[in-house]
PDB file of all heavy atoms in Angstrom:
ATOM      1  N   GLY A   1      22.409 102.992 -38.915  1.00  0.00           N
ATOM      2  CA  GLY A   1      21.502 103.147 -37.798  1.00  0.00           C
ATOM      3  C   GLY A   1      21.606 102.102 -36.714  1.00  0.00           C
ATOM      4  O   GLY A   1      22.495 102.144 -35.872  1.00  0.00           O
ATOM      5  N   LEU A   2      20.668 101.152 -36.720  1.00  0.00           N
ATOM      6  CA  LEU A   2      20.539 100.181 -35.649  1.00  0.00           C
ATOM      7  C   LEU A   2      21.811  99.385 -35.373  1.00  0.00           C
ATOM      8  O   LEU A   2      22.104  99.094 -34.208  1.00  0.00           O
ATOM      9  CB  LEU A   2      19.380  99.227 -35.949  1.00  0.00           C
ATOM     10  CG  LEU A   2      19.028  98.217 -34.845  1.00  0.00           C
ATOM     11  CD1 LEU A   2      18.684  98.930 -33.554  1.00  0.00           C
ATOM     12  CD2 LEU A   2      17.888  97.316 -35.282  1.00  0.00           C
ATOM     13  N   PRO A   3      22.611  98.970 -36.374  1.00  0.00           N
ATOM     14  CA  PRO A   3      23.829  98.223 -36.039  1.00  0.00           C
ATOM     15  C   PRO A   3      24.709  98.932 -35.021  1.00  0.00           C
ATOM     16  O   PRO A   3      25.283  98.287 -34.146  1.00  0.00           O
ATOM     17  CB  PRO A   3      24.546  98.093 -37.394  1.00  0.00           C
ATOM     18  CG  PRO A   3      23.443  98.121 -38.393  1.00  0.00           C
ATOM     19  CD  PRO A   3      22.434  99.090 -37.830  1.00  0.00           C
ATOM     20  N   GLU A   4      24.833 100.246 -35.150  1.00  0.00           N
ATOM     21  CA  GLU A   4      25.670 100.968 -34.201  1.00  0.00           C
ATOM     22  C   GLU A   4      25.116 100.862 -32.781  1.00  0.00           C
ATOM     23  O   GLU A   4      25.869 100.831 -31.806  1.00  0.00           O
ATOM     24  CB  GLU A   4      25.785 102.442 -34.605  1.00  0.00           C
ATOM     25  CG  GLU A   4      26.785 102.700 -35.724  1.00  0.00           C
ATOM     26  CD  GLU A   4      26.261 102.339 -37.095  1.00  0.00           C
ATOM     27  OE1 GLU A   4      25.089 101.918 -37.200  1.00  0.00           O
ATOM     28  OE2 GLU A   4      27.023 102.459 -38.061  1.00  0.00           O
ATOM     29  N   LEU A   5      23.796 100.769 -32.667  1.00  0.00           N
ATOM     30  CA  LEU A   5      23.190 100.632 -31.349  1.00  0.00           C
ATOM     31  C   LEU A   5      23.484  99.269 -30.738  1.00  0.00           C
ATOM     32  O   LEU A   5      23.402  99.090 -29.526  1.00  0.00           O
ATOM     33  CB  LEU A   5      21.671 100.839 -31.449  1.00  0.00           C
ATOM     34  CG  LEU A   5      21.208 102.194 -31.974  1.00  0.00           C
ATOM     35  CD1 LEU A   5      19.689 102.232 -32.057  1.00  0.00           C
ATOM     36  CD2 LEU A   5      21.726 103.313 -31.064  1.00  0.00           C
ATOM     37  N   LEU A   6      23.812  98.293 -31.561  1.00  0.00           N
ATOM     38  CA  LEU A   6      24.079  96.934 -31.098  1.00  0.00           C
ATOM     39  C   LEU A   6      25.564  96.661 -30.974  1.00  0.00           C
ATOM     40  O   LEU A   6      25.983  95.517 -30.862  1.00  0.00           O
ATOM     41  CB  LEU A   6      23.440  95.925 -32.061  1.00  0.00           C
ATOM     42  CG  LEU A   6      21.921  96.017 -32.198  1.00  0.00           C
ATOM     43  CD1 LEU A   6      21.414  95.034 -33.236  1.00  0.00           C
ATOM     44  CD2 LEU A   6      21.244  95.777 -30.852  1.00  0.00           C
ATOM     45  N   GLY A   7      26.383  97.690 -31.009  1.00  0.00           N
ATOM     46  CA  GLY A   7      27.820  97.507 -30.829  1.00  0.00           C
ATOM     47  C   GLY A   7      28.622  97.769 -32.079  1.00  0.00           C
ATOM     48  O   GLY A   7      29.792  97.410 -32.145  1.00  0.00           O
ATOM     49  N   GLY A   8      27.994  98.377 -33.084  1.00  0.00           N
ATOM     50  CA  GLY A   8      28.694  98.609 -34.332  1.00  0.00           C
ATOM     51  C   GLY A   8      28.412  97.476 -35.300  1.00  0.00           C
ATOM     52  O   GLY A   8      27.429  96.749 -35.171  1.00  0.00           O
ATOM     53  N   PHE A   9      29.283  97.280 -36.268  1.00  0.00           N
ATOM     54  CA  PHE A   9      29.067  96.234 -37.255  1.00  0.00           C
ATOM     55  C   PHE A   9      29.529  94.881 -36.760  1.00  0.00           C
ATOM     56  O   PHE A   9      29.226  93.862 -37.336  1.00  0.00           O
ATOM     57  CB  PHE A   9      29.730  96.617 -38.576  1.00  0.00           C
ATOM     58  CG  PHE A   9      28.966  97.702 -39.266  1.00  0.00           C
ATOM     59  CD1 PHE A   9      29.138  99.030 -38.923  1.00  0.00           C
ATOM     60  CD2 PHE A   9      28.012  97.402 -40.213  1.00  0.00           C
ATOM     61  CE1 PHE A   9      28.406 100.036 -39.514  1.00  0.00           C
ATOM     62  CE2 PHE A   9      27.263  98.390 -40.813  1.00  0.00           C
ATOM     63  CZ  PHE A   9      27.466  99.720 -40.472  1.00  0.00           C
ATOM     64  N   GLU A  10      30.255  94.872 -35.641  1.00  0.00           N
ATOM     65  CA  GLU A  10      30.477  93.645 -34.898  1.00  0.00           C
ATOM     66  C   GLU A  10      29.482  93.646 -33.745  1.00  0.00           C
ATOM     67  O   GLU A  10      29.397  94.610 -32.989  1.00  0.00           O
ATOM     68  CB  GLU A  10      31.902  93.567 -34.353  1.00  0.00           C
ATOM     69  CG  GLU A  10      32.145  92.318 -33.515  1.00  0.00           C
ATOM     70  CD  GLU A  10      33.514  92.295 -32.855  1.00  0.00           C
ATOM     71  OE1 GLU A  10      34.262  93.280 -33.004  1.00  0.00           O
ATOM     72  OE2 GLU A  10      33.826  91.292 -32.200  1.00  0.00           O
ATOM     73  N   PHE A  11      28.730  92.566 -33.604  1.00  0.00           N
ATOM     74  CA  PHE A  11      27.708  92.507 -32.574  1.00  0.00           C
ATOM     75  C   PHE A  11      28.351  92.347 -31.201  1.00  0.00           C
ATOM     76  O   PHE A  11      29.071  91.378 -30.954  1.00  0.00           O
ATOM     77  CB  PHE A  11      26.758  91.343 -32.838  1.00  0.00           C
ATOM     78  CG  PHE A  11      25.592  91.277 -31.884  1.00  0.00           C
ATOM     79  CD1 PHE A  11      24.461  92.038 -32.111  1.00  0.00           C
ATOM     80  CD2 PHE A  11      25.638  90.474 -30.768  1.00  0.00           C
ATOM     81  CE1 PHE A  11      23.386  91.989 -31.240  1.00  0.00           C
ATOM     82  CE2 PHE A  11      24.569  90.419 -29.883  1.00  0.00           C
ATOM     83  CZ  PHE A  11      23.445  91.171 -30.128  1.00  0.00           C
ATOM     84  N   LEU A  12      28.095  93.300 -30.295  1.00  0.00           N
ATOM     85  CA  LEU A  12      28.599  93.265 -28.926  1.00  0.00           C
ATOM     86  C   LEU A  12      30.056  92.837 -28.855  1.00  0.00           C
ATOM     87  O   LEU A  12      30.384  91.744 -28.389  1.00  0.00           O
ATOM     88  CB  LEU A  12      27.752  92.297 -28.079  1.00  0.00           C
ATOM     89  CG  LEU A  12      26.279  92.663 -27.936  1.00  0.00           C
ATOM     90  CD1 LEU A  12      25.565  91.614 -27.094  1.00  0.00           C
ATOM     91  CD2 LEU A  12      26.103  94.037 -27.331  1.00  0.00           C
ATOM     92  N   PRO A  13      30.968  93.674 -29.319  1.00  0.00           N
ATOM     93  CA  PRO A  13      32.389  93.305 -29.322  1.00  0.00           C
ATOM     94  C   PRO A  13      32.875  92.879 -27.952  1.00  0.00           C
ATOM     95  O   PRO A  13      32.397  93.359 -26.926  1.00  0.00           O
ATOM     96  CB  PRO A  13      33.083  94.597 -29.779  1.00  0.00           C
ATOM     97  CG  PRO A  13      32.033  95.374 -30.478  1.00  0.00           C
ATOM     98  CD  PRO A  13      30.743  95.040 -29.791  1.00  0.00           C
ATOM     99  N   GLU A  14      33.860  91.967 -27.964  1.00  0.00           N
ATOM    100  CA  GLU A  14      34.436  91.506 -26.709  1.00  0.00           C
ATOM    101  C   GLU A  14      35.118  92.672 -25.983  1.00  0.00           C
ATOM    102  O   GLU A  14      35.683  93.549 -26.602  1.00  0.00           O
ATOM    103  CB  GLU A  14      35.474  90.417 -26.964  1.00  0.00           C
ATOM    104  CG  GLU A  14      34.891  89.127 -27.478  1.00  0.00           C
ATOM    105  CD  GLU A  14      35.961  88.071 -27.594  1.00  0.00           C
ATOM    106  OE1 GLU A  14      36.428  87.577 -26.551  1.00  0.00           O
ATOM    107  OE2 GLU A  14      36.330  87.742 -28.721  1.00  0.00           O
ATOM    108  N   SER A  15      35.067  92.638 -24.678  1.00  0.00           N
ATOM    109  CA  SER A  15      35.699  93.687 -23.899  1.00  0.00           C
ATOM    110  C   SER A  15      36.183  93.111 -22.583  1.00  0.00           C
ATOM    111  O   SER A  15      36.030  91.927 -22.301  1.00  0.00           O
ATOM    112  CB  SER A  15      34.705  94.820 -23.624  1.00  0.00           C
ATOM    113  OG  SER A  15      33.731  94.384 -22.700  1.00  0.00           O
ATOM    114  N   ALA A  16      36.731  93.977 -21.773  1.00  0.00           N
ATOM    115  CA  ALA A  16      37.210  93.541 -20.461  1.00  0.00           C
ATOM    116  C   ALA A  16      36.061  93.123 -19.555  1.00  0.00           C
ATOM    117  O   ALA A  16      36.279  92.522 -18.500  1.00  0.00           O
ATOM    118  CB  ALA A  16      38.000  94.664 -19.809  1.00  0.00           C
ATOM    119  N   LEU A  17      34.813  93.414 -19.954  1.00  0.00           N
ATOM    120  CA  LEU A  17      33.680  93.036 -19.123  1.00  0.00           C
ATOM    121  C   LEU A  17      33.411  91.534 -19.155  1.00  0.00           C
ATOM    122  O   LEU A  17      32.798  90.990 -18.236  1.00  0.00           O
ATOM    123  CB  LEU A  17      32.417  93.772 -19.593  1.00  0.00           C
ATOM    124  CG  LEU A  17      32.356  95.263 -19.294  1.00  0.00           C
ATOM    125  CD1 LEU A  17      31.074  95.847 -19.879  1.00  0.00           C
ATOM    126  CD2 LEU A  17      32.431  95.516 -17.794  1.00  0.00           C
ATOM    127  N   ALA A  18      33.849  90.855 -20.214  1.00  0.00           N
ATOM    128  CA  ALA A  18      33.540  89.430 -20.347  1.00  0.00           C
ATOM    129  C   ALA A  18      34.073  88.614 -19.179  1.00  0.00           C
ATOM    130  O   ALA A  18      33.324  87.835 -18.566  1.00  0.00           O
ATOM    131  CB  ALA A  18      34.074  88.898 -21.674  1.00  0.00           C
ATOM    132  N   PRO A  19      35.359  88.756 -18.812  1.00  0.00           N
ATOM    133  CA  PRO A  19      35.826  87.990 -17.651  1.00  0.00           C
ATOM    134  C   PRO A  19      35.108  88.384 -16.365  1.00  0.00           C
ATOM    135  O   PRO A  19      34.861  87.543 -15.511  1.00  0.00           O
ATOM    136  CB  PRO A  19      37.319  88.351 -17.574  1.00  0.00           C
ATOM    137  CG  PRO A  19      37.676  88.818 -18.946  1.00  0.00           C
ATOM    138  CD  PRO A  19      36.443  89.510 -19.450  1.00  0.00           C
ATOM    139  N   LEU A  20      34.742  89.675 -16.247  1.00  0.00           N
ATOM    140  CA  LEU A  20      34.042  90.128 -15.041  1.00  0.00           C
ATOM    141  C   LEU A  20      32.678  89.456 -14.934  1.00  0.00           C
ATOM    142  O   LEU A  20      32.300  88.927 -13.894  1.00  0.00           O
ATOM    143  CB  LEU A  20      33.886  91.646 -15.063  1.00  0.00           C
ATOM    144  CG  LEU A  20      33.112  92.256 -13.882  1.00  0.00           C
ATOM    145  CD1 LEU A  20      33.865  92.022 -12.590  1.00  0.00           C
ATOM    146  CD2 LEU A  20      32.870  93.734 -14.122  1.00  0.00           C
ATOM    147  N   ILE A  21      31.952  89.453 -16.049  1.00  0.00           N
ATOM    148  CA  ILE A  21      30.620  88.854 -16.050  1.00  0.00           C
ATOM    149  C   ILE A  21      30.714  87.360 -15.781  1.00  0.00           C
ATOM    150  O   ILE A  21      29.998  86.804 -14.946  1.00  0.00           O
ATOM    151  CB  ILE A  21      29.910  89.124 -17.389  1.00  0.00           C
ATOM    152  CG1 ILE A  21      29.628  90.622 -17.536  1.00  0.00           C
ATOM    153  CG2 ILE A  21      28.616  88.331 -17.481  1.00  0.00           C
ATOM    154  CD1 ILE A  21      29.107  91.012 -18.895  1.00  0.00           C
ATOM    155  N   GLY A  22      31.622  86.704 -16.520  1.00  0.00           N
ATOM    156  CA  GLY A  22      31.735  85.261 -16.370  1.00  0.00           C
ATOM    157  C   GLY A  22      32.277  84.842 -15.030  1.00  0.00           C
ATOM    158  O   GLY A  22      31.809  83.878 -14.423  1.00  0.00           O
ATOM    159  N   GLY A  23      33.268  85.575 -14.521  1.00  0.00           N
ATOM    160  CA  GLY A  23      33.946  85.135 -13.313  1.00  0.00           C
ATOM    161  C   GLY A  23      33.290  85.572 -12.026  1.00  0.00           C
ATOM    162  O   GLY A  23      33.423  84.899 -11.005  1.00  0.00           O
ATOM    163  N   LEU A  24      32.577  86.679 -12.063  1.00  0.00           N
ATOM    164  CA  LEU A  24      32.026  87.213 -10.829  1.00  0.00           C
ATOM    165  C   LEU A  24      30.502  87.107 -10.777  1.00  0.00           C
ATOM    166  O   LEU A  24      29.938  86.465  -9.895  1.00  0.00           O
ATOM    167  CB  LEU A  24      32.459  88.664 -10.657  1.00  0.00           C
ATOM    168  CG  LEU A  24      33.984  88.882 -10.577  1.00  0.00           C
ATOM    169  CD1 LEU A  24      34.295  90.362 -10.493  1.00  0.00           C
ATOM    170  CD2 LEU A  24      34.566  88.149  -9.376  1.00  0.00           C
ATOM    171  N   LEU A  25      29.839  87.705 -11.752  1.00  0.00           N
ATOM    172  CA  LEU A  25      28.380  87.736 -11.719  1.00  0.00           C
ATOM    173  C   LEU A  25      27.761  86.368 -11.919  1.00  0.00           C
ATOM    174  O   LEU A  25      26.645  86.110 -11.465  1.00  0.00           O
ATOM    175  CB  LEU A  25      27.858  88.717 -12.782  1.00  0.00           C
ATOM    176  CG  LEU A  25      28.330  90.166 -12.646  1.00  0.00           C
ATOM    177  CD1 LEU A  25      27.670  91.035 -13.697  1.00  0.00           C
ATOM    178  CD2 LEU A  25      28.047  90.703 -11.248  1.00  0.00           C
ATOM    179  N   CYS A  26      28.467  85.461 -12.647  1.00  0.00           N
ATOM    180  CA  CYS A  26      27.901  84.144 -12.937  1.00  0.00           C
ATOM    181  C   CYS A  26      28.444  83.058 -12.021  1.00  0.00           C
ATOM    182  O   CYS A  26      28.156  81.884 -12.214  1.00  0.00           O
ATOM    183  CB  CYS A  26      28.173  83.756 -14.391  1.00  0.00           C
ATOM    184  SG  CYS A  26      27.411  84.867 -15.582  1.00  0.00           S
ATOM    185  N   ASN A  27      29.227  83.444 -11.055  1.00  0.00           N
ATOM    186  CA  ASN A  27      29.764  82.464 -10.119  1.00  0.00           C
ATOM    187  C   ASN A  27      28.620  81.877  -9.290  1.00  0.00           C
ATOM    188  O   ASN A  27      27.791  82.604  -8.751  1.00  0.00           O
ATOM    189  CB  ASN A  27      30.789  83.129  -9.194  1.00  0.00           C
ATOM    190  CG  ASN A  27      31.594  82.125  -8.402  1.00  0.00           C
ATOM    191  OD1 ASN A  27      31.039  81.256  -7.739  1.00  0.00           O
ATOM    192  ND2 ASN A  27      32.903  82.258  -8.493  1.00  0.00           N
ATOM    193  N   LYS A  28      28.569  80.547  -9.204  1.00  0.00           N
ATOM    194  CA  LYS A  28      27.444  79.897  -8.530  1.00  0.00           C
ATOM    195  C   LYS A  28      27.372  80.247  -7.047  1.00  0.00           C
ATOM    196  O   LYS A  28      26.351  80.034  -6.401  1.00  0.00           O
ATOM    197  CB  LYS A  28      27.530  78.380  -8.697  1.00  0.00           C
ATOM    198  CG  LYS A  28      28.661  77.722  -7.939  1.00  0.00           C
ATOM    199  CD  LYS A  28      28.555  76.202  -8.035  1.00  0.00           C
ATOM    200  CE  LYS A  28      29.650  75.517  -7.199  1.00  0.00           C
ATOM    201  NZ  LYS A  28      29.506  74.059  -7.223  1.00  0.00           N
ATOM    202  N   ARG A  29      28.446  80.787  -6.494  1.00  0.00           N
ATOM    203  CA  ARG A  29      28.459  81.108  -5.071  1.00  0.00           C
ATOM    204  C   ARG A  29      27.869  82.476  -4.766  1.00  0.00           C
ATOM    205  O   ARG A  29      27.756  82.872  -3.611  1.00  0.00           O
ATOM    206  CB  ARG A  29      29.893  81.036  -4.535  1.00  0.00           C
ATOM    207  CG  ARG A  29      30.430  79.615  -4.490  1.00  0.00           C
ATOM    208  CD  ARG A  29      31.905  79.581  -4.144  1.00  0.00           C
ATOM    209  NE  ARG A  29      32.712  80.200  -5.180  1.00  0.00           N
ATOM    210  CZ  ARG A  29      34.046  80.178  -5.184  1.00  0.00           C
ATOM    211  NH1 ARG A  29      34.699  79.584  -4.216  1.00  0.00           N
ATOM    212  NH2 ARG A  29      34.714  80.752  -6.166  1.00  0.00           N
TER     213      ARG A  29
END
């Protein structure tokens, strides 16, 4: 049940979104 809602049995698996979030959305500028 709930584990699948949280990304499966690995919590929030890494994806191509990580560099996007870190590099763009979190940029101090």
